[in-house]
């Protein structure tokens, strides 16, 4: 699940502070990522370099009740190894739910999936496959092809609009089924460079709006949270990915219900594989100049 090119481009969604047997835990939205070796039928395929460059193997199921690092834990099996939950993989003419990590049976920790989690995962797969099929219809033809299409994320504005609408529908269904999901998801670009915007309803009430910009292995994110008690917080994150982990720096400023600064948290995380992970956190209250610091490492 930790694939070096996907890790470098931060397509891998893995824990940074929670581990099992000194290994990362897969989170929702995880994609093994680009540059996965392929053999196509027939083997002599002039498009094979493009297929490999933009490969996909994405987790579509996750548990809304069990989280790590604040995100849902991704799932690829149901009721033990005999019942796999498929990953959505790149294929032609549309992506197919035909991938499964064969070593799942060696793991000894399980998390619970609700019926809503299961239906939400199925609905996400249906939306993805349906969108690809509709984009092949005559009314959606034209625009970018080949490398340019893959870099931009869509052949034309109609195709991008359809995929965005289906993504928002999938997110809204997840909120309705699990009380935890992204209502609005707008994405343009690819794993090499792009922009992503999302609006999320928090289970405890309130909402969170996220923006993420990416160029190569560098991601810059901003988030604004409105809490149910009237307080707000602003968060900024800078992450740099590399084949064996990530470096990230995150600053969060909390404000009281009158808009005055109440708390500032700075967190720096280096994940070099679970054994090399280290996290430092500094917290200051009301912009105090005497913060308390703490360090974390895997057990």
Protein backbone atom coordinates (compact mmCIF):
# COMPACT_ATOMS: atom_id res chain seq x y z
CA UNK A 1 0.00 0.00 0.00
CA UNK A 2 2.98 2.30 0.49
CA UNK A 3 4.08 2.80 -3.11
CA UNK A 4 7.15 5.11 -3.45
CA UNK A 5 5.89 7.28 -6.38
CA UNK A 6 2.47 7.61 -4.73
CA UNK A 7 4.14 8.52 -1.45
CA UNK A 8 6.32 11.14 -3.11
CA UNK A 9 3.27 12.76 -4.76
CA UNK A 10 1.31 12.40 -1.50
CA UNK A 11 -1.39 10.26 -3.14
CA UNK A 12 -0.76 7.72 -0.39
CA UNK A 13 -2.95 8.60 2.60
CA UNK A 14 -1.19 6.96 5.52
CA UNK A 15 -0.98 7.71 9.23
CA UNK A 16 1.85 9.82 10.59
CA UNK A 17 1.40 9.29 14.33
CA UNK A 18 -0.56 6.01 14.60
CA UNK A 19 1.08 2.67 13.77
CA UNK A 20 0.58 -1.06 14.08
CA UNK A 21 3.65 -3.31 14.26
CA UNK A 22 5.76 -0.31 13.17
CA UNK A 23 3.69 0.01 9.98
CA UNK A 24 1.52 2.82 8.67
CA UNK A 25 -2.28 2.52 8.72
CA UNK A 26 -4.19 3.24 5.50
CA UNK A 27 -6.68 6.14 5.63
CA UNK A 28 -9.72 7.13 3.56
CA UNK A 29 -8.98 8.33 0.05
CA UNK A 30 -5.72 6.35 -0.13
CA UNK A 31 -4.40 5.77 -3.64
CA UNK A 32 -1.35 3.61 -4.31
CA UNK A 33 -0.73 6.20 -6.99
CA UNK A 34 1.16 6.65 -10.20
CA UNK A 35 3.86 4.58 -11.91
CA UNK A 36 2.48 1.14 -11.03
CA UNK A 37 3.95 -1.39 -13.53
CA UNK A 38 1.38 -2.82 -15.96
CA UNK A 39 1.00 -5.58 -18.49
CA UNK A 40 -1.88 -4.87 -20.87
CA UNK A 41 -3.82 -7.07 -23.24
CA UNK A 42 -2.42 -7.04 -25.89
CA UNK A 43 1.10 -6.49 -24.43
CA UNK A 44 2.19 -4.35 -27.40
CA UNK A 45 0.40 -1.14 -26.41
CA UNK A 46 1.72 2.26 -27.50
CA UNK A 47 -0.26 3.91 -24.68
CA UNK A 48 1.40 1.80 -21.97
CA UNK A 49 3.81 4.58 -20.81
CA UNK A 50 0.83 6.94 -20.36
CA UNK A 51 -1.16 4.23 -18.55
CA UNK A 52 1.71 3.57 -16.14
CA UNK A 53 2.36 7.28 -15.58
CA UNK A 54 -1.25 7.84 -14.42
CA UNK A 55 -2.07 4.53 -12.76
CA UNK A 56 -4.61 4.28 -9.92
CA UNK A 57 -5.42 1.80 -7.14
CA UNK A 58 -7.74 3.64 -4.76
CA UNK A 59 -9.44 2.66 -1.50
CA UNK A 60 -13.16 3.46 -1.68
CA UNK A 61 -14.38 2.03 1.64
CA UNK A 62 -13.62 3.50 5.07
CA UNK A 63 -15.02 3.36 8.58
CA UNK A 64 -16.66 6.52 9.89
CA UNK A 65 -16.48 5.37 13.53
CA UNK A 66 -12.80 4.46 13.80
CA UNK A 67 -10.24 7.14 12.99
CA UNK A 68 -6.50 7.71 13.08
CA UNK A 69 -4.82 11.11 12.77
CA UNK A 70 -8.33 12.58 12.56
CA UNK A 71 -9.25 10.68 9.37
CA UNK A 72 -11.32 7.57 8.71
CA UNK A 73 -9.38 4.31 8.45
CA UNK A 74 -9.53 2.76 4.98
CA UNK A 75 -10.88 -0.77 4.55
CA UNK A 76 -10.36 -3.42 1.89
CA UNK A 77 -12.14 -6.43 3.36
CA UNK A 78 -15.42 -7.28 5.03
CA UNK A 79 -15.84 -10.04 7.63
CA UNK A 80 -12.33 -11.38 7.20
CA UNK A 81 -10.15 -12.34 4.19
CA UNK A 82 -12.84 -14.40 2.41
CA UNK A 83 -14.89 -11.24 1.64
CA UNK A 84 -12.74 -8.56 -0.06
CA UNK A 85 -13.80 -4.95 -0.54
CA UNK A 86 -12.48 -3.97 -3.93
CA UNK A 87 -10.22 -1.04 -4.64
CA UNK A 88 -11.03 1.08 -7.71
CA UNK A 89 -8.30 0.54 -10.30
CA UNK A 90 -7.47 2.18 -13.61
CA UNK A 91 -8.74 0.20 -16.59
CA UNK A 92 -10.08 0.73 -20.10
CA UNK A 93 -12.61 1.98 -21.04
CA UNK A 94 -13.50 2.77 -17.38
CA UNK A 95 -11.95 2.21 -13.96
CA UNK A 96 -12.99 -1.10 -12.39
CA UNK A 97 -13.35 -2.28 -8.76
CA UNK A 98 -11.01 -5.22 -9.27
CA UNK A 99 -8.06 -4.63 -6.95
CA UNK A 100 -7.41 -6.24 -3.56
CA UNK A 101 -4.30 -6.33 -1.32
CA UNK A 102 -3.52 -10.03 -1.11
CA UNK A 103 -1.63 -9.82 2.22
CA UNK A 104 -4.60 -8.57 4.25
CA UNK A 105 -4.95 -12.01 5.79
CA UNK A 106 -1.68 -11.49 7.68
CA UNK A 107 -3.03 -8.53 9.66
CA UNK A 108 -4.44 -9.01 13.16
CA UNK A 109 -6.30 -5.72 13.80
CA UNK A 110 -9.82 -5.09 12.51
CA UNK A 111 -12.12 -2.06 12.57
CA UNK A 112 -15.89 -1.99 12.25
CA UNK A 113 -17.75 -0.96 9.11
CA UNK A 114 -21.35 0.16 9.48
CA UNK A 115 -23.96 -0.60 6.84
CA UNK A 116 -23.85 3.10 5.94
CA UNK A 117 -20.07 2.91 5.41
CA UNK A 118 -20.54 -0.07 3.11
CA UNK A 119 -23.30 1.56 1.03
CA UNK A 120 -21.34 4.83 0.83
CA UNK A 121 -18.34 2.93 -0.56
CA UNK A 122 -20.47 1.17 -3.16
CA UNK A 123 -22.08 4.46 -4.15
CA UNK A 124 -18.64 6.05 -4.62
CA UNK A 125 -17.65 3.22 -6.98
CA UNK A 126 -20.90 3.56 -8.93
CA UNK A 127 -20.42 7.32 -9.30
CA UNK A 128 -16.85 6.85 -10.55
CA UNK A 129 -17.72 4.17 -13.10
CA UNK A 130 -20.91 5.95 -14.21
CA UNK A 131 -19.05 9.22 -14.74
CA UNK A 132 -16.47 7.52 -16.97
CA UNK A 133 -19.21 5.83 -19.03
CA UNK A 134 -21.17 9.07 -19.53
CA UNK A 135 -18.00 10.92 -20.58
CA UNK A 136 -17.69 8.46 -23.48
CA UNK A 137 -21.04 9.56 -24.94
CA UNK A 138 -21.05 11.74 -28.04
CA UNK A 139 -22.15 14.90 -26.24
CA UNK A 140 -19.01 14.86 -24.07
CA UNK A 141 -16.51 14.20 -26.85
CA UNK A 142 -13.81 16.68 -27.84
CA UNK A 143 -11.16 18.64 -26.02
CA UNK A 144 -7.87 17.46 -24.57
CA UNK A 145 -6.56 13.97 -25.20
CA UNK A 146 -3.65 11.86 -24.02
CA UNK A 147 -1.09 13.45 -21.71
CA UNK A 148 -2.80 16.85 -21.54
CA UNK A 149 -6.13 15.30 -20.53
CA UNK A 150 -4.49 13.29 -17.74
CA UNK A 151 -2.59 16.31 -16.42
CA UNK A 152 -5.67 18.56 -16.43
CA UNK A 153 -7.98 15.85 -15.10
CA UNK A 154 -10.66 16.10 -17.79
CA UNK A 155 -10.94 16.42 -21.56
CA UNK A 156 -13.21 19.50 -21.46
CA UNK A 157 -15.34 21.63 -19.15
CA UNK A 158 -18.42 19.42 -19.56
CA UNK A 159 -16.51 16.34 -18.51
CA UNK A 160 -14.95 18.19 -15.55
CA UNK A 161 -18.37 19.51 -14.50
CA UNK A 162 -19.92 16.02 -14.61
CA UNK A 163 -17.12 14.48 -12.55
CA UNK A 164 -17.35 17.32 -10.02
CA UNK A 165 -21.14 16.94 -9.72
CA UNK A 166 -20.84 13.17 -9.19
CA UNK A 167 -18.07 13.71 -6.64
CA UNK A 168 -20.28 16.14 -4.70
CA UNK A 169 -23.19 13.69 -4.92
CA UNK A 170 -20.99 10.89 -3.59
CA UNK A 171 -19.83 13.13 -0.71
CA UNK A 172 -23.38 14.18 0.15
CA UNK A 173 -24.46 10.53 0.20
CA UNK A 174 -21.62 9.71 2.59
CA UNK A 175 -22.71 12.52 4.93
CA UNK A 176 -26.31 11.26 4.83
CA UNK A 177 -25.29 7.63 5.44
CA UNK A 178 -22.51 8.10 8.00
CA UNK A 179 -22.71 11.70 9.32
CA UNK A 180 -19.10 12.14 8.26
CA UNK A 181 -18.10 13.12 4.74
CA UNK A 182 -17.31 15.94 2.32
CA UNK A 183 -20.40 17.61 0.91
CA UNK A 184 -18.57 19.57 -1.79
CA UNK A 185 -15.45 18.36 -3.57
CA UNK A 186 -13.98 20.36 -6.44
CA UNK A 187 -10.77 19.12 -8.03
CA UNK A 188 -8.82 20.17 -11.09
CA UNK A 189 -5.48 18.80 -12.22
CA UNK A 190 -3.78 15.52 -11.39
CA UNK A 191 -1.49 14.01 -8.81
CA UNK A 192 1.40 15.92 -10.40
CA UNK A 193 -0.20 19.35 -9.97
CA UNK A 194 -3.66 20.58 -9.08
CA UNK A 195 -6.17 22.36 -6.87
CA UNK A 196 -8.69 20.74 -4.53
CA UNK A 197 -11.48 22.39 -2.53
CA UNK A 198 -13.75 20.57 -0.09
CA UNK A 199 -16.47 21.45 2.42
CA UNK A 200 -17.07 19.03 5.27
CA UNK A 201 -19.84 18.79 7.86
CA UNK A 202 -18.32 17.78 11.20
CA UNK A 203 -20.01 14.94 13.14
CA UNK A 204 -20.03 17.01 16.33
CA UNK A 205 -21.57 19.97 14.49
CA UNK A 206 -20.04 22.86 12.61
CA UNK A 207 -18.25 22.80 9.28
CA UNK A 208 -14.78 22.82 7.76
CA UNK A 209 -13.66 24.25 4.40
CA UNK A 210 -10.36 23.01 2.98
CA UNK A 211 -8.18 24.23 0.10
CA UNK A 212 -5.16 22.35 -1.17
CA UNK A 213 -2.63 23.37 -3.82
CA UNK A 214 -0.06 20.96 -5.22
CA UNK A 215 2.97 21.19 -7.48
CA UNK A 216 4.91 17.95 -7.74
CA UNK A 217 5.74 16.62 -4.29
CA UNK A 218 4.86 19.90 -2.53
CA UNK A 219 1.38 20.49 -1.09
CA UNK A 220 0.11 23.65 0.60
CA UNK A 221 -3.22 23.41 2.45
CA UNK A 222 -5.52 25.86 4.21
CA UNK A 223 -8.55 25.04 6.35
CA UNK A 224 -11.18 27.15 8.12
CA UNK A 225 -13.34 25.52 10.81
CA UNK A 226 -16.53 26.88 12.34
CA UNK A 227 -17.20 25.04 15.59
CA UNK A 228 -20.71 24.55 17.04
CA UNK A 229 -19.79 26.59 20.14
CA UNK A 230 -19.14 29.69 18.06
CA UNK A 231 -15.35 29.44 18.04
CA UNK A 232 -13.29 29.22 14.84
CA UNK A 233 -9.86 28.04 13.81
CA UNK A 234 -7.51 28.64 10.89
CA UNK A 235 -5.04 25.97 9.81
CA UNK A 236 -2.19 26.06 7.30
CA UNK A 237 -0.08 23.07 6.28
CA UNK A 238 3.04 22.67 4.18
CA UNK A 239 3.96 19.09 3.20
CA UNK A 240 6.80 17.75 1.11
CA UNK A 241 6.62 14.12 -0.01
CA UNK A 242 9.46 11.78 -0.89
CA UNK A 243 9.60 8.07 -1.74
CA UNK A 244 9.83 6.89 1.88
CA UNK A 245 7.70 9.42 3.75
CA UNK A 246 6.73 13.06 4.20
CA UNK A 247 7.83 16.19 6.00
CA UNK A 248 4.99 18.43 7.12
CA UNK A 249 4.58 21.59 9.16
CA UNK A 250 1.15 22.61 10.42
CA UNK A 251 0.06 25.77 12.22
CA UNK A 252 -3.40 26.05 13.81
CA UNK A 253 -4.78 29.22 15.36
CA UNK A 254 -7.99 29.02 17.41
CA UNK A 255 -10.22 32.03 18.06
CA UNK A 256 -12.90 32.50 20.70
CA UNK A 257 -16.50 33.45 19.88
CA UNK A 258 -15.48 37.12 19.84
CA UNK A 259 -12.80 36.48 17.22
CA UNK A 260 -9.87 36.96 19.61
CA UNK A 261 -6.83 34.62 19.43
CA UNK A 262 -7.12 31.91 22.07
CA UNK A 263 -4.63 29.16 21.18
CA UNK A 264 -1.86 28.50 18.67
CA UNK A 265 -0.49 25.07 17.87
CA UNK A 266 2.54 24.34 15.69
CA UNK A 267 3.21 20.74 14.70
CA UNK A 268 6.15 19.42 12.69
CA UNK A 269 6.04 15.80 11.55
CA UNK A 270 8.69 13.76 9.75
CA UNK A 271 7.54 10.32 8.62
CA UNK A 272 10.42 8.23 7.25
CA UNK A 273 8.61 4.97 7.60
CA UNK A 274 7.10 4.18 10.95
CA UNK A 275 10.40 3.48 12.72
CA UNK A 276 11.85 6.84 11.74
CA UNK A 277 8.79 8.95 12.53
CA UNK A 278 9.01 11.88 14.93
CA UNK A 279 6.52 14.59 15.79
CA UNK A 280 7.12 17.81 17.66
CA UNK A 281 4.24 19.95 18.91
CA UNK A 282 4.35 23.42 20.43
CA UNK A 283 1.25 24.96 22.02
CA UNK A 284 0.87 28.56 23.14
CA UNK A 285 -2.22 30.07 24.76
CA UNK A 286 -3.54 33.49 23.82
CA UNK A 287 -0.38 34.20 21.83
CA UNK A 288 1.75 33.59 24.94
CA UNK A 289 5.52 33.67 24.53
CA UNK A 290 6.05 30.72 26.91
CA UNK A 291 4.82 27.62 25.06
CA UNK A 292 4.83 24.06 26.31
CA UNK A 293 6.47 21.54 23.99
CA UNK A 294 6.01 17.81 23.51
CA UNK A 295 7.58 15.09 21.37
CA UNK A 296 6.02 11.91 20.06
CA UNK A 297 7.39 8.69 18.60
CA UNK A 298 5.83 5.29 17.77
CA UNK A 299 5.52 2.70 20.51
